[in-house]
Amino acid sequence: MKKYKCIPCDYIYDPEAGDPGNGVAPGTAFEDLPEEWVCPECGAAKEYFEPVE
């Protein structure tokens, strides 16, 4: 699964780790995150993330 970077703050969403503090279980692909999920660091919406190569 690909990692995704928040463009405004450089936070990296790692699907292997998930985002347990916001109810996202480890193993959750970025594509499977709820639409209302936002960056835990700066609050940016999913549309402000890009895949990390």
N, C-alpha and C. Protein backbone atom coordinates (compact mmCIF):
# COMPACT_ATOMS: atom_id res chain seq x y z
N MET A 1 0.84 -1.19 0.00
CA MET A 1 0.00 0.00 0.00
C MET A 1 0.89 1.25 0.00
N LYS A 2 0.46 2.23 -0.77
CA LYS A 2 1.23 3.46 -0.91
C LYS A 2 1.05 4.38 0.29
N LYS A 3 2.10 5.11 0.59
CA LYS A 3 2.04 6.18 1.58
C LYS A 3 1.64 7.46 0.87
N TYR A 4 1.00 8.37 1.59
CA TYR A 4 0.57 9.64 1.03
C TYR A 4 1.07 10.78 1.90
N LYS A 5 1.48 11.87 1.24
CA LYS A 5 2.02 13.04 1.95
C LYS A 5 1.04 14.19 1.88
N CYS A 6 0.87 14.86 3.02
CA CYS A 6 0.05 16.07 3.09
C CYS A 6 0.89 17.21 2.50
N ILE A 7 0.38 17.84 1.45
CA ILE A 7 1.14 18.91 0.78
C ILE A 7 1.37 20.10 1.72
N PRO A 8 0.36 20.58 2.47
CA PRO A 8 0.60 21.75 3.32
C PRO A 8 1.62 21.53 4.45
N CYS A 9 1.64 20.34 5.06
CA CYS A 9 2.49 20.19 6.25
C CYS A 9 3.50 19.04 6.20
N ASP A 10 3.50 18.25 5.12
CA ASP A 10 4.43 17.13 4.95
C ASP A 10 4.17 15.92 5.85
N TYR A 11 3.00 15.87 6.51
CA TYR A 11 2.63 14.67 7.27
C TYR A 11 2.53 13.50 6.30
N ILE A 12 3.04 12.35 6.69
CA ILE A 12 2.96 11.15 5.86
C ILE A 12 1.91 10.20 6.45
N TYR A 13 0.91 9.86 5.65
CA TYR A 13 -0.04 8.84 6.05
C TYR A 13 0.52 7.49 5.63
N ASP A 14 0.77 6.65 6.61
CA ASP A 14 1.30 5.30 6.38
C ASP A 14 0.17 4.31 6.63
N PRO A 15 -0.31 3.63 5.57
CA PRO A 15 -1.43 2.71 5.77
C PRO A 15 -1.13 1.57 6.74
N GLU A 16 0.12 1.18 6.86
CA GLU A 16 0.46 0.12 7.80
C GLU A 16 0.22 0.55 9.24
N ALA A 17 0.41 1.85 9.52
CA ALA A 17 0.20 2.38 10.87
C ALA A 17 -1.23 2.86 11.07
N GLY A 18 -1.89 3.31 9.99
CA GLY A 18 -3.23 3.88 10.11
C GLY A 18 -3.18 5.21 10.85
N ASP A 19 -4.27 5.57 11.47
CA ASP A 19 -4.37 6.79 12.28
C ASP A 19 -5.27 6.48 13.46
N PRO A 20 -4.78 5.62 14.38
CA PRO A 20 -5.61 5.15 15.49
C PRO A 20 -6.21 6.27 16.34
N GLY A 21 -5.50 7.38 16.46
CA GLY A 21 -6.02 8.50 17.24
C GLY A 21 -7.29 9.10 16.66
N ASN A 22 -7.53 8.83 15.39
CA ASN A 22 -8.73 9.34 14.72
C ASN A 22 -9.62 8.21 14.21
N GLY A 23 -9.47 7.04 14.81
CA GLY A 23 -10.37 5.93 14.51
C GLY A 23 -10.06 5.16 13.24
N VAL A 24 -8.83 5.31 12.70
CA VAL A 24 -8.46 4.59 11.48
C VAL A 24 -7.52 3.45 11.87
N ALA A 25 -7.97 2.23 11.64
CA ALA A 25 -7.20 1.06 12.04
C ALA A 25 -5.97 0.86 11.17
N PRO A 26 -4.90 0.30 11.73
CA PRO A 26 -3.74 -0.06 10.92
C PRO A 26 -4.18 -0.98 9.78
N GLY A 27 -3.55 -0.81 8.63
CA GLY A 27 -3.89 -1.61 7.47
C GLY A 27 -4.94 -0.97 6.57
N THR A 28 -5.36 0.26 6.89
CA THR A 28 -6.37 0.96 6.09
C THR A 28 -5.69 1.73 4.96
N ALA A 29 -6.00 1.37 3.72
CA ALA A 29 -5.44 2.06 2.56
C ALA A 29 -5.96 3.50 2.52
N PHE A 30 -5.16 4.40 1.97
CA PHE A 30 -5.57 5.81 1.87
C PHE A 30 -6.91 5.93 1.15
N GLU A 31 -7.08 5.15 0.09
CA GLU A 31 -8.31 5.19 -0.69
C GLU A 31 -9.54 4.78 0.14
N ASP A 32 -9.31 4.02 1.20
CA ASP A 32 -10.41 3.54 2.03
C ASP A 32 -10.70 4.43 3.24
N LEU A 33 -9.94 5.52 3.38
CA LEU A 33 -10.22 6.45 4.48
C LEU A 33 -11.57 7.10 4.26
N PRO A 34 -12.29 7.39 5.34
CA PRO A 34 -13.59 8.09 5.17
C PRO A 34 -13.37 9.45 4.49
N GLU A 35 -14.35 9.91 3.72
CA GLU A 35 -14.25 11.19 3.03
C GLU A 35 -14.02 12.35 4.00
N GLU A 36 -14.57 12.23 5.21
CA GLU A 36 -14.44 13.32 6.18
C GLU A 36 -13.10 13.30 6.94
N TRP A 37 -12.27 12.28 6.69
CA TRP A 37 -10.95 12.22 7.35
C TRP A 37 -10.11 13.41 6.92
N VAL A 38 -9.38 13.99 7.88
CA VAL A 38 -8.48 15.11 7.59
C VAL A 38 -7.11 14.83 8.20
N CYS A 39 -6.11 15.53 7.73
CA CYS A 39 -4.75 15.39 8.24
C CYS A 39 -4.74 15.62 9.75
N PRO A 40 -4.18 14.69 10.52
CA PRO A 40 -4.15 14.87 11.97
C PRO A 40 -3.21 15.98 12.43
N GLU A 41 -2.32 16.42 11.55
CA GLU A 41 -1.38 17.49 11.92
C GLU A 41 -1.92 18.88 11.64
N CYS A 42 -2.52 19.07 10.44
CA CYS A 42 -2.93 20.43 10.06
C CYS A 42 -4.40 20.57 9.68
N GLY A 43 -5.12 19.45 9.60
CA GLY A 43 -6.54 19.52 9.28
C GLY A 43 -6.88 19.60 7.81
N ALA A 44 -5.88 19.39 6.92
CA ALA A 44 -6.14 19.45 5.48
C ALA A 44 -6.98 18.25 5.04
N ALA A 45 -7.84 18.47 4.06
CA ALA A 45 -8.69 17.41 3.52
C ALA A 45 -7.86 16.43 2.68
N LYS A 46 -8.45 15.27 2.39
CA LYS A 46 -7.76 14.23 1.61
C LYS A 46 -7.28 14.73 0.26
N GLU A 47 -7.97 15.69 -0.32
CA GLU A 47 -7.60 16.19 -1.64
C GLU A 47 -6.24 16.89 -1.64
N TYR A 48 -5.73 17.22 -0.45
CA TYR A 48 -4.43 17.89 -0.35
C TYR A 48 -3.29 16.91 -0.10
N PHE A 49 -3.52 15.64 -0.36
CA PHE A 49 -2.49 14.61 -0.21
C PHE A 49 -2.06 14.13 -1.58
N GLU A 50 -0.79 13.73 -1.67
CA GLU A 50 -0.30 13.14 -2.91
C GLU A 50 0.48 11.88 -2.57
N PRO A 51 0.51 10.90 -3.50
CA PRO A 51 1.24 9.67 -3.24
C PRO A 51 2.75 9.94 -3.11
N VAL A 52 3.38 9.18 -2.24
CA VAL A 52 4.83 9.27 -2.07
C VAL A 52 5.45 8.18 -2.96
N GLU A 53 6.37 8.57 -3.80
CA GLU A 53 7.01 7.61 -4.70
C GLU A 53 8.10 6.84 -4.01
